[in-house]
PDB file of N, CA and C in Angstrom:
ATOM      1  N   MET A   1    -128.703 138.321  -8.358  1.00  0.00           N
ATOM      2  CA  MET A   1    -128.255 138.840  -9.809  1.00  0.00           C
ATOM      3  C   MET A   1    -129.736 138.325 -10.246  1.00  0.00           C
ATOM      4  N   ASN A   2    -130.246 139.314 -11.465  1.00  0.00           N
ATOM      5  CA  ASN A   2    -131.045 139.758 -12.926  1.00  0.00           C
ATOM      6  C   ASN A   2    -130.713 139.191 -13.684  1.00  0.00           C
ATOM      7  N   LEU A   3    -130.816 138.654 -14.715  1.00  0.00           N
ATOM      8  CA  LEU A   3    -130.555 138.524 -16.415  1.00  0.00           C
ATOM      9  C   LEU A   3    -131.343 138.932 -17.122  1.00  0.00           C
ATOM     10  N   ILE A   4    -131.565 139.928 -18.267  1.00  0.00           N
ATOM     11  CA  ILE A   4    -133.160 140.845 -18.957  1.00  0.00           C
ATOM     12  C   ILE A   4    -132.050 140.306 -20.012  1.00  0.00           C
ATOM     13  N   MET A   5    -132.890 139.684 -21.013  1.00  0.00           N
ATOM     14  CA  MET A   5    -132.660 139.665 -22.427  1.00  0.00           C
ATOM     15  C   MET A   5    -133.063 140.781 -22.746  1.00  0.00           C
ATOM     16  N   ILE A   6    -132.930 141.556 -24.025  1.00  0.00           N
ATOM     17  CA  ILE A   6    -133.716 142.975 -24.605  1.00  0.00           C
ATOM     18  C   ILE A   6    -133.201 142.543 -26.043  1.00  0.00           C
ATOM     19  N   ARG A   7    -134.293 142.850 -27.122  1.00  0.00           N
ATOM     20  CA  ARG A   7    -133.544 142.780 -28.238  1.00  0.00           C
ATOM     21  C   ARG A   7    -133.387 144.632 -28.538  1.00  0.00           C
ATOM     22  N   HIS A   8    -133.618 144.826 -29.427  1.00  0.00           N
ATOM     23  CA  HIS A   8    -133.490 146.306 -30.169  1.00  0.00           C
ATOM     24  C   HIS A   8    -134.865 146.958 -30.183  1.00  0.00           C
ATOM     25  N   GLY A   9    -134.826 148.164 -29.962  1.00  0.00           N
ATOM     26  CA  GLY A   9    -136.208 148.957 -31.455  1.00  0.00           C
ATOM     27  C   GLY A   9    -136.054 148.618 -32.683  1.00  0.00           C
ATOM     28  N   GLN A  10    -137.497 148.846 -33.384  1.00  0.00           N
ATOM     29  CA  GLN A  10    -137.891 148.734 -34.239  1.00  0.00           C
ATOM     30  C   GLN A  10    -136.716 149.320 -35.217  1.00  0.00           C
ATOM     31  N   GLY A  11    -136.422 148.701 -35.660  1.00  0.00           N
ATOM     32  CA  GLY A  11    -135.190 148.960 -37.592  1.00  0.00           C
ATOM     33  C   GLY A  11    -135.761 149.034 -38.050  1.00  0.00           C
ATOM     34  N   GLU A  12    -134.815 149.928 -39.142  1.00  0.00           N
ATOM     35  CA  GLU A  12    -135.694 149.862 -40.285  1.00  0.00           C
ATOM     36  C   GLU A  12    -135.998 148.524 -41.504  1.00  0.00           C
ATOM     37  N   HIS A  13    -135.114 148.195 -41.033  1.00  0.00           N
ATOM     38  CA  HIS A  13    -135.304 146.950 -41.925  1.00  0.00           C
ATOM     39  C   HIS A  13    -136.597 146.269 -41.854  1.00  0.00           C
ATOM     40  N   THR A  14    -137.121 146.379 -40.997  1.00  0.00           N
ATOM     41  CA  THR A  14    -138.670 145.381 -40.705  1.00  0.00           C
ATOM     42  C   THR A  14    -139.600 146.156 -41.652  1.00  0.00           C
ATOM     43  N   LEU A  15    -139.941 146.949 -42.141  1.00  0.00           N
ATOM     44  CA  LEU A  15    -140.634 148.391 -42.315  1.00  0.00           C
ATOM     45  C   LEU A  15    -141.116 147.564 -43.909  1.00  0.00           C
ATOM     46  N   ASP A  16    -140.539 147.150 -44.943  1.00  0.00           N
ATOM     47  CA  ASP A  16    -141.216 146.635 -46.139  1.00  0.00           C
ATOM     48  C   ASP A  16    -140.465 145.305 -46.439  1.00  0.00           C
ATOM     49  N   LEU A  17    -141.139 143.786 -44.921  1.00  0.00           N
ATOM     50  CA  LEU A  17    -140.867 142.884 -45.800  1.00  0.00           C
ATOM     51  C   LEU A  17    -140.764 141.922 -46.792  1.00  0.00           C
ATOM     52  N   PRO A  18    -140.547 141.128 -47.564  1.00  0.00           N
ATOM     53  CA  PRO A  18    -138.992 140.534 -46.838  1.00  0.00           C
ATOM     54  C   PRO A  18    -137.797 141.201 -47.466  1.00  0.00           C
ATOM     55  N   ARG A  19    -137.957 142.103 -48.215  1.00  0.00           N
ATOM     56  CA  ARG A  19    -136.992 143.033 -49.193  1.00  0.00           C
ATOM     57  C   ARG A  19    -136.032 143.839 -48.444  1.00  0.00           C
ATOM     58  N   SER A  20    -136.692 144.504 -47.114  1.00  0.00           N
ATOM     59  CA  SER A  20    -136.062 145.068 -46.597  1.00  0.00           C
ATOM     60  C   SER A  20    -135.364 144.375 -45.936  1.00  0.00           C
ATOM     61  N   LEU A  21    -135.170 143.349 -45.664  1.00  0.00           N
ATOM     62  CA  LEU A  21    -134.286 142.625 -45.109  1.00  0.00           C
ATOM     63  C   LEU A  21    -132.860 142.951 -45.652  1.00  0.00           C
ATOM     64  N   GLN A  22    -132.684 142.872 -46.562  1.00  0.00           N
ATOM     65  CA  GLN A  22    -131.631 143.525 -47.796  1.00  0.00           C
ATOM     66  C   GLN A  22    -130.646 144.555 -47.458  1.00  0.00           C
ATOM     67  N   HIS A  23    -131.646 145.189 -46.465  1.00  0.00           N
ATOM     68  CA  HIS A  23    -131.371 146.477 -45.981  1.00  0.00           C
ATOM     69  C   HIS A  23    -130.302 146.726 -45.447  1.00  0.00           C
ATOM     70  N   ARG A  24    -128.906 147.451 -45.514  1.00  0.00           N
ATOM     71  CA  ARG A  24    -126.892 146.945 -45.005  1.00  0.00           C
ATOM     72  C   ARG A  24    -127.216 148.139 -43.790  1.00  0.00           C
ATOM     73  N   ASP A  25    -126.868 147.766 -42.364  1.00  0.00           N
ATOM     74  CA  ASP A  25    -127.008 148.449 -41.426  1.00  0.00           C
ATOM     75  C   ASP A  25    -127.314 149.537 -41.342  1.00  0.00           C
ATOM     76  N   PRO A  26    -129.122 148.656 -41.147  1.00  0.00           N
ATOM     77  CA  PRO A  26    -130.163 149.744 -40.957  1.00  0.00           C
ATOM     78  C   PRO A  26    -130.295 150.236 -39.103  1.00  0.00           C
ATOM     79  N   SER A  27    -130.880 150.889 -38.927  1.00  0.00           N
ATOM     80  CA  SER A  27    -130.784 152.191 -37.769  1.00  0.00           C
ATOM     81  C   SER A  27    -131.956 151.677 -37.180  1.00  0.00           C
ATOM     82  N   LEU A  28    -132.325 152.367 -35.701  1.00  0.00           N
ATOM     83  CA  LEU A  28    -133.779 152.665 -35.488  1.00  0.00           C
ATOM     84  C   LEU A  28    -134.056 153.777 -36.184  1.00  0.00           C
ATOM     85  N   THR A  29    -135.479 153.190 -35.993  1.00  0.00           N
ATOM     86  CA  THR A  29    -136.479 154.130 -36.371  1.00  0.00           C
ATOM     87  C   THR A  29    -137.660 154.916 -35.605  1.00  0.00           C
ATOM     88  N   PRO A  30    -137.778 156.207 -36.053  1.00  0.00           N
ATOM     89  CA  PRO A  30    -138.719 156.826 -34.658  1.00  0.00           C
ATOM     90  C   PRO A  30    -139.229 156.264 -33.641  1.00  0.00           C
ATOM     91  N   LEU A  31    -140.586 154.517 -34.431  1.00  0.00           N
ATOM     92  CA  LEU A  31    -140.894 154.009 -33.393  1.00  0.00           C
ATOM     93  C   LEU A  31    -139.669 153.353 -32.474  1.00  0.00           C
ATOM     94  N   GLY A  32    -138.463 152.829 -33.318  1.00  0.00           N
ATOM     95  CA  GLY A  32    -137.851 152.060 -32.251  1.00  0.00           C
ATOM     96  C   GLY A  32    -136.978 153.247 -31.756  1.00  0.00           C
ATOM     97  N   ILE A  33    -136.642 154.233 -31.523  1.00  0.00           N
ATOM     98  CA  ILE A  33    -136.027 155.386 -30.331  1.00  0.00           C
ATOM     99  C   ILE A  33    -137.360 155.344 -29.779  1.00  0.00           C
ATOM    100  N   GLU A  34    -138.607 155.411 -29.468  1.00  0.00           N
ATOM    101  CA  GLU A  34    -139.277 155.315 -29.155  1.00  0.00           C
ATOM    102  C   GLU A  34    -139.416 154.555 -28.000  1.00  0.00           C
ATOM    103  N   GLN A  35    -139.138 153.376 -28.450  1.00  0.00           N
ATOM    104  CA  GLN A  35    -139.748 151.613 -27.388  1.00  0.00           C
ATOM    105  C   GLN A  35    -138.037 151.804 -27.051  1.00  0.00           C
ATOM    106  N   ALA A  36    -136.950 152.513 -27.318  1.00  0.00           N
ATOM    107  CA  ALA A  36    -135.500 152.344 -26.324  1.00  0.00           C
ATOM    108  C   ALA A  36    -135.781 153.777 -25.023  1.00  0.00           C
ATOM    109  N   ARG A  37    -137.019 154.630 -25.249  1.00  0.00           N
ATOM    110  CA  ARG A  37    -136.621 155.171 -24.607  1.00  0.00           C
ATOM    111  C   ARG A  37    -137.879 154.520 -23.026  1.00  0.00           C
ATOM    112  N   LYS A  38    -138.858 154.059 -23.834  1.00  0.00           N
ATOM    113  CA  LYS A  38    -139.888 153.098 -23.032  1.00  0.00           C
ATOM    114  C   LYS A  38    -138.983 152.785 -22.074  1.00  0.00           C
ATOM    115  N   LEU A  39    -138.029 151.679 -22.390  1.00  0.00           N
ATOM    116  CA  LEU A  39    -137.225 150.322 -21.861  1.00  0.00           C
ATOM    117  C   LEU A  39    -136.489 151.192 -21.016  1.00  0.00           C
ATOM    118  N   LYS A  40    -135.875 152.756 -21.220  1.00  0.00           N
ATOM    119  CA  LYS A  40    -135.572 152.956 -19.862  1.00  0.00           C
ATOM    120  C   LYS A  40    -136.286 153.832 -18.863  1.00  0.00           C
ATOM    121  N   ALA A  41    -137.450 153.223 -18.608  1.00  0.00           N
ATOM    122  CA  ALA A  41    -138.635 154.103 -18.022  1.00  0.00           C
ATOM    123  C   ALA A  41    -138.791 152.736 -17.321  1.00  0.00           C
ATOM    124  N   GLN A  42    -138.772 151.511 -17.937  1.00  0.00           N
ATOM    125  CA  GLN A  42    -139.029 150.290 -17.178  1.00  0.00           C
ATOM    126  C   GLN A  42    -137.703 149.634 -16.474  1.00  0.00           C
ATOM    127  N   PHE A  43    -136.521 149.593 -16.684  1.00  0.00           N
ATOM    128  CA  PHE A  43    -135.984 148.595 -16.624  1.00  0.00           C
ATOM    129  C   PHE A  43    -134.825 149.925 -16.884  1.00  0.00           C
ATOM    130  N   GLN A  44    -134.714 150.235 -15.239  1.00  0.00           N
ATOM    131  CA  GLN A  44    -133.540 151.616 -14.762  1.00  0.00           C
ATOM    132  C   GLN A  44    -132.459 150.703 -14.735  1.00  0.00           C
ATOM    133  N   LEU A  45    -131.555 151.286 -14.879  1.00  0.00           N
ATOM    134  CA  LEU A  45    -129.930 150.605 -14.937  1.00  0.00           C
ATOM    135  C   LEU A  45    -128.941 151.406 -13.868  1.00  0.00           C
ATOM    136  N   ILE A  46    -127.985 151.192 -13.475  1.00  0.00           N
ATOM    137  CA  ILE A  46    -127.897 151.627 -11.525  1.00  0.00           C
ATOM    138  C   ILE A  46    -126.490 151.246 -12.640  1.00  0.00           C
ATOM    139  N   GLU A  47    -125.805 152.272 -11.770  1.00  0.00           N
ATOM    140  CA  GLU A  47    -123.888 151.935 -11.842  1.00  0.00           C
ATOM    141  C   GLU A  47    -123.932 150.607 -11.387  1.00  0.00           C
ATOM    142  N   GLY A  48    -122.837 150.211 -11.753  1.00  0.00           N
ATOM    143  CA  GLY A  48    -122.727 148.344 -11.338  1.00  0.00           C
ATOM    144  C   GLY A  48    -122.886 147.746 -12.468  1.00  0.00           C
ATOM    145  N   ASP A  49    -123.814 147.815 -13.538  1.00  0.00           N
ATOM    146  CA  ASP A  49    -125.296 147.141 -14.063  1.00  0.00           C
ATOM    147  C   ASP A  49    -123.867 147.181 -15.670  1.00  0.00           C
ATOM    148  N   VAL A  50    -124.405 145.739 -15.786  1.00  0.00           N
ATOM    149  CA  VAL A  50    -123.964 145.644 -17.605  1.00  0.00           C
ATOM    150  C   VAL A  50    -124.586 144.681 -18.570  1.00  0.00           C
ATOM    151  N   ILE A  51    -124.518 145.816 -19.945  1.00  0.00           N
ATOM    152  CA  ILE A  51    -125.038 145.307 -21.025  1.00  0.00           C
ATOM    153  C   ILE A  51    -124.333 144.509 -21.468  1.00  0.00           C
ATOM    154  N   PHE A  52    -124.407 143.654 -22.542  1.00  0.00           N
ATOM    155  CA  PHE A  52    -124.145 142.703 -23.475  1.00  0.00           C
ATOM    156  C   PHE A  52    -124.640 142.997 -24.609  1.00  0.00           C
ATOM    157  N   ILE A  53    -123.152 143.373 -25.570  1.00  0.00           N
ATOM    158  CA  ILE A  53    -124.703 144.017 -26.923  1.00  0.00           C
ATOM    159  C   ILE A  53    -123.711 143.745 -27.899  1.00  0.00           C
ATOM    160  N   SER A  54    -124.779 143.326 -29.109  1.00  0.00           N
ATOM    161  CA  SER A  54    -124.044 142.868 -30.586  1.00  0.00           C
ATOM    162  C   SER A  54    -123.459 143.629 -31.040  1.00  0.00           C
ATOM    163  N   PRO A  55    -122.765 143.540 -31.683  1.00  0.00           N
ATOM    164  CA  PRO A  55    -122.044 144.330 -32.547  1.00  0.00           C
ATOM    165  C   PRO A  55    -122.849 145.108 -33.728  1.00  0.00           C
ATOM    166  N   ILE A  56    -124.264 145.230 -33.517  1.00  0.00           N
ATOM    167  CA  ILE A  56    -125.413 145.550 -35.117  1.00  0.00           C
ATOM    168  C   ILE A  56    -125.870 146.447 -34.311  1.00  0.00           C
ATOM    169  N   ARG A  57    -125.945 148.065 -35.743  1.00  0.00           N
ATOM    170  CA  ARG A  57    -126.043 149.596 -35.511  1.00  0.00           C
ATOM    171  C   ARG A  57    -127.415 149.413 -34.773  1.00  0.00           C
ATOM    172  N   ARG A  58    -128.833 149.034 -35.256  1.00  0.00           N
ATOM    173  CA  ARG A  58    -129.111 149.459 -34.123  1.00  0.00           C
ATOM    174  C   ARG A  58    -129.258 148.869 -32.909  1.00  0.00           C
ATOM    175  N   THR A  59    -128.804 147.395 -32.519  1.00  0.00           N
ATOM    176  CA  THR A  59    -128.331 147.606 -30.764  1.00  0.00           C
ATOM    177  C   THR A  59    -127.589 148.152 -30.209  1.00  0.00           C
ATOM    178  N   LEU A  60    -126.524 148.760 -30.676  1.00  0.00           N
ATOM    179  CA  LEU A  60    -125.442 149.980 -30.120  1.00  0.00           C
ATOM    180  C   LEU A  60    -126.497 151.117 -29.934  1.00  0.00           C
ATOM    181  N   GLU A  61    -128.055 151.534 -30.982  1.00  0.00           N
ATOM    182  CA  GLU A  61    -128.193 152.831 -30.909  1.00  0.00           C
ATOM    183  C   GLU A  61    -129.123 152.576 -29.247  1.00  0.00           C
ATOM    184  N   THR A  62    -129.827 150.926 -29.290  1.00  0.00           N
ATOM    185  CA  THR A  62    -130.880 150.721 -28.634  1.00  0.00           C
ATOM    186  C   THR A  62    -130.228 151.124 -27.077  1.00  0.00           C
ATOM    187  N   SER A  63    -128.642 150.082 -27.033  1.00  0.00           N
ATOM    188  CA  SER A  63    -128.509 150.647 -25.814  1.00  0.00           C
ATOM    189  C   SER A  63    -127.630 151.771 -25.003  1.00  0.00           C
ATOM    190  N   THR A  64    -127.393 152.512 -26.610  1.00  0.00           N
ATOM    191  CA  THR A  64    -127.623 153.831 -26.146  1.00  0.00           C
ATOM    192  C   THR A  64    -128.389 155.108 -25.640  1.00  0.00           C
ATOM    193  N   ILE A  65    -129.644 155.048 -25.674  1.00  0.00           N
ATOM    194  CA  ILE A  65    -130.441 154.799 -25.373  1.00  0.00           C
ATOM    195  C   ILE A  65    -131.087 154.408 -24.474  1.00  0.00           C
ATOM    196  N   PHE A  66    -130.733 153.032 -24.200  1.00  0.00           N
ATOM    197  CA  PHE A  66    -131.376 152.674 -22.726  1.00  0.00           C
ATOM    198  C   PHE A  66    -130.434 153.005 -21.609  1.00  0.00           C
ATOM    199  N   SER A  67    -128.976 153.494 -21.663  1.00  0.00           N
ATOM    200  CA  SER A  67    -128.518 153.700 -20.592  1.00  0.00           C
ATOM    201  C   SER A  67    -127.908 154.821 -20.649  1.00  0.00           C
ATOM    202  N   GLU A  68    -128.396 155.940 -21.202  1.00  0.00           N
ATOM    203  CA  GLU A  68    -128.007 157.215 -21.701  1.00  0.00           C
ATOM    204  C   GLU A  68    -128.218 157.322 -19.729  1.00  0.00           C
ATOM    205  N   GLY A  69    -127.383 158.197 -19.094  1.00  0.00           N
ATOM    206  CA  GLY A  69    -126.504 159.214 -18.412  1.00  0.00           C
ATOM    207  C   GLY A  69    -126.631 157.853 -17.295  1.00  0.00           C
ATOM    208  N   VAL A  70    -126.179 156.795 -17.433  1.00  0.00           N
ATOM    209  CA  VAL A  70    -125.727 156.097 -16.401  1.00  0.00           C
ATOM    210  C   VAL A  70    -124.897 155.170 -16.461  1.00  0.00           C
ATOM    211  N   ASN A  71    -123.276 155.337 -15.205  1.00  0.00           N
ATOM    212  CA  ASN A  71    -122.825 154.715 -15.732  1.00  0.00           C
ATOM    213  C   ASN A  71    -122.169 153.409 -15.064  1.00  0.00           C
ATOM    214  N   CYS A  72    -122.886 152.646 -16.486  1.00  0.00           N
ATOM    215  CA  CYS A  72    -122.755 151.610 -16.306  1.00  0.00           C
ATOM    216  C   CYS A  72    -121.437 150.789 -17.558  1.00  0.00           C
ATOM    217  N   ARG A  73    -121.291 149.567 -17.191  1.00  0.00           N
ATOM    218  CA  ARG A  73    -120.405 148.820 -18.224  1.00  0.00           C
ATOM    219  C   ARG A  73    -121.377 149.127 -19.623  1.00  0.00           C
ATOM    220  N   LYS A  74    -121.010 148.553 -20.718  1.00  0.00           N
ATOM    221  CA  LYS A  74    -121.394 148.417 -21.580  1.00  0.00           C
ATOM    222  C   LYS A  74    -120.362 147.218 -22.882  1.00  0.00           C
ATOM    223  N   ILE A  75    -120.682 146.343 -22.652  1.00  0.00           N
ATOM    224  CA  ILE A  75    -119.328 145.811 -23.464  1.00  0.00           C
ATOM    225  C   ILE A  75    -120.017 145.069 -25.315  1.00  0.00           C
ATOM    226  N   VAL A  76    -119.488 145.254 -26.012  1.00  0.00           N
ATOM    227  CA  VAL A  76    -119.730 144.567 -27.153  1.00  0.00           C
ATOM    228  C   VAL A  76    -118.805 143.560 -27.783  1.00  0.00           C
ATOM    229  N   SER A  77    -120.132 142.405 -28.291  1.00  0.00           N
ATOM    230  CA  SER A  77    -119.298 141.089 -28.111  1.00  0.00           C
ATOM    231  C   SER A  77    -120.326 140.188 -29.298  1.00  0.00           C
ATOM    232  N   PRO A  78    -119.190 139.865 -30.497  1.00  0.00           N
ATOM    233  CA  PRO A  78    -120.311 139.388 -31.687  1.00  0.00           C
ATOM    234  C   PRO A  78    -120.380 137.915 -30.434  1.00  0.00           C
ATOM    235  N   LEU A  79    -120.700 137.593 -29.659  1.00  0.00           N
ATOM    236  CA  LEU A  79    -121.436 136.563 -29.238  1.00  0.00           C
ATOM    237  C   LEU A  79    -122.557 136.669 -29.078  1.00  0.00           C
ATOM    238  N   VAL A  80    -123.313 137.522 -29.044  1.00  0.00           N
ATOM    239  CA  VAL A  80    -124.905 138.113 -28.489  1.00  0.00           C
ATOM    240  C   VAL A  80    -125.110 138.296 -30.060  1.00  0.00           C
ATOM    241  N   SER A  81    -124.781 138.315 -31.110  1.00  0.00           N
ATOM    242  CA  SER A  81    -125.252 138.892 -32.197  1.00  0.00           C
ATOM    243  C   SER A  81    -125.301 137.391 -32.862  1.00  0.00           C
ATOM    244  N   PRO A  82    -126.299 138.337 -34.077  1.00  0.00           N
ATOM    245  CA  PRO A  82    -126.954 137.394 -35.022  1.00  0.00           C
ATOM    246  C   PRO A  82    -126.960 135.960 -35.335  1.00  0.00           C
ATOM    247  N   ARG A  83    -126.820 134.926 -35.118  1.00  0.00           N
ATOM    248  CA  ARG A  83    -125.911 134.186 -35.703  1.00  0.00           C
ATOM    249  C   ARG A  83    -125.224 133.580 -35.186  1.00  0.00           C
ATOM    250  N   MET A  84    -125.568 133.805 -33.766  1.00  0.00           N
ATOM    251  CA  MET A  84    -124.294 133.082 -32.919  1.00  0.00           C
ATOM    252  C   MET A  84    -124.195 131.928 -32.360  1.00  0.00           C
ATOM    253  N   PHE A  85    -122.987 131.063 -32.177  1.00  0.00           N
ATOM    254  CA  PHE A  85    -122.770 130.058 -31.812  1.00  0.00           C
ATOM    255  C   PHE A  85    -123.178 128.836 -32.754  1.00  0.00           C
ATOM    256  N   PRO A  86    -122.663 128.636 -33.868  1.00  0.00           N
ATOM    257  CA  PRO A  86    -122.609 128.218 -35.267  1.00  0.00           C
ATOM    258  C   PRO A  86    -123.921 127.176 -35.217  1.00  0.00           C
ATOM    259  N   ILE A  87    -125.101 127.712 -34.526  1.00  0.00           N
ATOM    260  CA  ILE A  87    -126.695 127.014 -34.443  1.00  0.00           C
ATOM    261  C   ILE A  87    -126.598 126.415 -36.026  1.00  0.00           C
ATOM    262  N   LEU A  88    -126.714 127.290 -37.267  1.00  0.00           N
ATOM    263  CA  LEU A  88    -126.872 126.961 -38.370  1.00  0.00           C
ATOM    264  C   LEU A  88    -125.842 127.672 -38.778  1.00  0.00           C
ATOM    265  N   PRO A  89    -124.536 126.597 -38.793  1.00  0.00           N
ATOM    266  CA  PRO A  89    -123.187 127.253 -39.350  1.00  0.00           C
ATOM    267  C   PRO A  89    -123.764 126.993 -40.878  1.00  0.00           C
ATOM    268  N   TYR A  90    -123.905 126.702 -41.904  1.00  0.00           N
ATOM    269  CA  TYR A  90    -124.246 126.483 -43.400  1.00  0.00           C
ATOM    270  C   TYR A  90    -125.463 128.058 -43.415  1.00  0.00           C
ATOM    271  N   LYS A  91    -125.744 128.976 -42.925  1.00  0.00           N
ATOM    272  CA  LYS A  91    -126.875 129.209 -42.945  1.00  0.00           C
ATOM    273  C   LYS A  91    -125.962 130.634 -43.368  1.00  0.00           C
ATOM    274  N   LYS A  92    -126.337 131.561 -44.372  1.00  0.00           N
ATOM    275  CA  LYS A  92    -125.205 132.832 -44.181  1.00  0.00           C
ATOM    276  C   LYS A  92    -126.734 134.099 -43.693  1.00  0.00           C
ATOM    277  N   THR A  93    -125.663 135.018 -42.850  1.00  0.00           N
ATOM    278  CA  THR A  93    -126.581 136.225 -42.618  1.00  0.00           C
ATOM    279  C   THR A  93    -126.809 136.784 -43.335  1.00  0.00           C
ATOM    280  N   LEU A  94    -128.274 137.243 -42.565  1.00  0.00           N
ATOM    281  CA  LEU A  94    -128.890 138.219 -43.821  1.00  0.00           C
ATOM    282  C   LEU A  94    -127.633 139.790 -43.807  1.00  0.00           C
ATOM    283  N   HIS A  95    -127.473 140.660 -44.940  1.00  0.00           N
ATOM    284  CA  HIS A  95    -127.475 142.050 -45.082  1.00  0.00           C
ATOM    285  C   HIS A  95    -127.671 142.990 -44.028  1.00  0.00           C
ATOM    286  N   CYS A  96    -129.176 142.397 -43.068  1.00  0.00           N
ATOM    287  CA  CYS A  96    -129.258 143.397 -42.227  1.00  0.00           C
ATOM    288  C   CYS A  96    -129.214 143.618 -40.684  1.00  0.00           C
ATOM    289  N   ASP A  97    -127.907 142.097 -41.061  1.00  0.00           N
ATOM    290  CA  ASP A  97    -127.217 141.662 -40.084  1.00  0.00           C
ATOM    291  C   ASP A  97    -125.777 141.188 -39.648  1.00  0.00           C
ATOM    292  N   LYS A  98    -125.245 142.006 -40.470  1.00  0.00           N
ATOM    293  CA  LYS A  98    -124.284 142.105 -40.540  1.00  0.00           C
ATOM    294  C   LYS A  98    -123.781 143.145 -39.814  1.00  0.00           C
ATOM    295  N   ILE A  99    -122.530 142.686 -38.878  1.00  0.00           N
ATOM    296  CA  ILE A  99    -121.663 143.172 -37.900  1.00  0.00           C
ATOM    297  C   ILE A  99    -121.067 144.063 -38.093  1.00  0.00           C
ATOM    298  N   LEU A 100    -121.156 145.450 -37.626  1.00  0.00           N
ATOM    299  CA  LEU A 100    -120.605 146.600 -37.471  1.00  0.00           C
ATOM    300  C   LEU A 100    -118.693 146.076 -37.581  1.00  0.00           C
ATOM    301  N   ALA A 101    -118.092 147.037 -38.530  1.00  0.00           N
ATOM    302  CA  ALA A 101    -116.327 146.781 -38.914  1.00  0.00           C
ATOM    303  C   ALA A 101    -115.841 147.315 -36.945  1.00  0.00           C
ATOM    304  N   LEU A 102    -114.819 147.103 -36.358  1.00  0.00           N
ATOM    305  CA  LEU A 102    -113.872 147.107 -35.286  1.00  0.00           C
ATOM    306  C   LEU A 102    -113.794 148.730 -34.982  1.00  0.00           C
ATOM    307  N   GLU A 103    -113.166 148.969 -36.406  1.00  0.00           N
ATOM    308  CA  GLU A 103    -112.824 150.499 -36.444  1.00  0.00           C
ATOM    309  C   GLU A 103    -114.608 151.110 -36.313  1.00  0.00           C
ATOM    310  N   SER A 104    -115.842 151.289 -36.748  1.00  0.00           N
ATOM    311  CA  SER A 104    -116.340 151.931 -36.774  1.00  0.00           C
ATOM    312  C   SER A 104    -117.245 151.612 -35.640  1.00  0.00           C
ATOM    313  N   ILE A 105    -117.022 150.635 -34.551  1.00  0.00           N
ATOM    314  CA  ILE A 105    -117.609 151.074 -33.176  1.00  0.00           C
ATOM    315  C   ILE A 105    -117.171 151.347 -32.500  1.00  0.00           C
ATOM    316  N   LYS A 106    -115.608 151.242 -32.464  1.00  0.00           N
ATOM    317  CA  LYS A 106    -114.367 151.932 -31.356  1.00  0.00           C
ATOM    318  C   LYS A 106    -114.282 153.855 -32.078  1.00  0.00           C
ATOM    319  N   ASN A 107    -114.734 154.119 -33.481  1.00  0.00           N
ATOM    320  CA  ASN A 107    -115.290 155.487 -33.483  1.00  0.00           C
ATOM    321  C   ASN A 107    -116.811 155.666 -33.556  1.00  0.00           C
ATOM    322  N   GLU A 108    -117.217 155.688 -32.985  1.00  0.00           N
ATOM    323  CA  GLU A 108    -118.992 155.539 -33.267  1.00  0.00           C
ATOM    324  C   GLU A 108    -119.548 155.134 -31.719  1.00  0.00           C
ATOM    325  N   TYR A 109    -118.987 154.614 -31.378  1.00  0.00           N
ATOM    326  CA  TYR A 109    -119.161 154.378 -29.938  1.00  0.00           C
ATOM    327  C   TYR A 109    -118.121 153.967 -28.993  1.00  0.00           C
ATOM    328  N   PRO A 110    -117.519 154.816 -28.848  1.00  0.00           N
ATOM    329  CA  PRO A 110    -116.105 155.304 -28.137  1.00  0.00           C
ATOM    330  C   PRO A 110    -116.271 154.868 -26.700  1.00  0.00           C
ATOM    331  N   THR A 111    -117.203 155.295 -25.852  1.00  0.00           N
ATOM    332  CA  THR A 111    -117.999 154.612 -24.489  1.00  0.00           C
ATOM    333  C   THR A 111    -118.083 153.445 -24.542  1.00  0.00           C
ATOM    334  N   PHE A 112    -118.099 152.843 -24.991  1.00  0.00           N
ATOM    335  CA  PHE A 112    -118.330 151.056 -25.049  1.00  0.00           C
ATOM    336  C   PHE A 112    -117.398 150.249 -25.189  1.00  0.00           C
ATOM    337  N   GLU A 113    -117.262 149.590 -24.524  1.00  0.00           N
ATOM    338  CA  GLU A 113    -115.988 147.923 -24.111  1.00  0.00           C
ATOM    339  C   GLU A 113    -116.382 147.831 -25.321  1.00  0.00           C
ATOM    340  N   LEU A 114    -114.619 147.002 -25.933  1.00  0.00           N
ATOM    341  CA  LEU A 114    -115.100 145.605 -26.691  1.00  0.00           C
ATOM    342  C   LEU A 114    -114.451 144.374 -26.647  1.00  0.00           C
ATOM    343  N   ASP A 115    -115.657 143.638 -26.167  1.00  0.00           N
ATOM    344  CA  ASP A 115    -115.168 141.704 -26.034  1.00  0.00           C
ATOM    345  C   ASP A 115    -114.230 141.752 -27.125  1.00  0.00           C
ATOM    346  N   LEU A 116    -112.420 142.215 -27.110  1.00  0.00           N
ATOM    347  CA  LEU A 116    -111.696 141.789 -27.517  1.00  0.00           C
ATOM    348  C   LEU A 116    -111.689 140.263 -28.437  1.00  0.00           C
ATOM    349  N   GLU A 117    -111.317 139.426 -26.903  1.00  0.00           N
ATOM    350  CA  GLU A 117    -111.053 138.367 -27.098  1.00  0.00           C
ATOM    351  C   GLU A 117    -112.273 137.391 -28.667  1.00  0.00           C
ATOM    352  N   SER A 118    -113.145 137.714 -27.969  1.00  0.00           N
ATOM    353  CA  SER A 118    -114.232 137.185 -28.624  1.00  0.00           C
ATOM    354  C   SER A 118    -114.490 137.807 -30.678  1.00  0.00           C
ATOM    355  N   SER A 119    -114.101 139.420 -30.489  1.00  0.00           N
ATOM    356  CA  SER A 119    -113.879 140.075 -31.696  1.00  0.00           C
ATOM    357  C   SER A 119    -113.710 139.787 -33.089  1.00  0.00           C
ATOM    358  N   ALA A 120    -112.451 138.351 -33.059  1.00  0.00           N
ATOM    359  CA  ALA A 120    -112.133 138.157 -33.823  1.00  0.00           C
ATOM    360  C   ALA A 120    -112.377 138.257 -35.712  1.00  0.00           C
ATOM    361  N   GLU A 121    -114.061 138.211 -35.959  1.00  0.00           N
ATOM    362  CA  GLU A 121    -114.537 138.174 -36.435  1.00  0.00           C
ATOM    363  C   GLU A 121    -114.834 139.078 -37.341  1.00  0.00           C
ATOM    364  N   LEU A 122    -114.756 139.887 -35.930  1.00  0.00           N
ATOM    365  CA  LEU A 122    -114.783 142.003 -36.750  1.00  0.00           C
ATOM    366  C   LEU A 122    -115.084 142.008 -37.221  1.00  0.00           C
TER     367      LEU A 122
END
């Protein structure tokens, strides 16, 4: 079994640092979309593969491009989100790292599974 950790492609929240970190719900930039396409070419998924995705728009967008045309499992879980595992529980999440509401994920990414046991915070 191989375990590959992948970050999202370039997001809008990185275009004008540090001010852009306050951008809510940033999407991928055109460069981020291209990076996700290159990722797909470099690491080819097959049926039976599983992707765990944080409930952040830019990671969902990256995963959508990365898994396009492949019938693999795509599981959205807050356990792989920014500020996961209370490493720094007293810190606040940046605006750009706010997780999407459960209903938004269901509506916008209907082919993704939801880790409902861990999604109480969504």
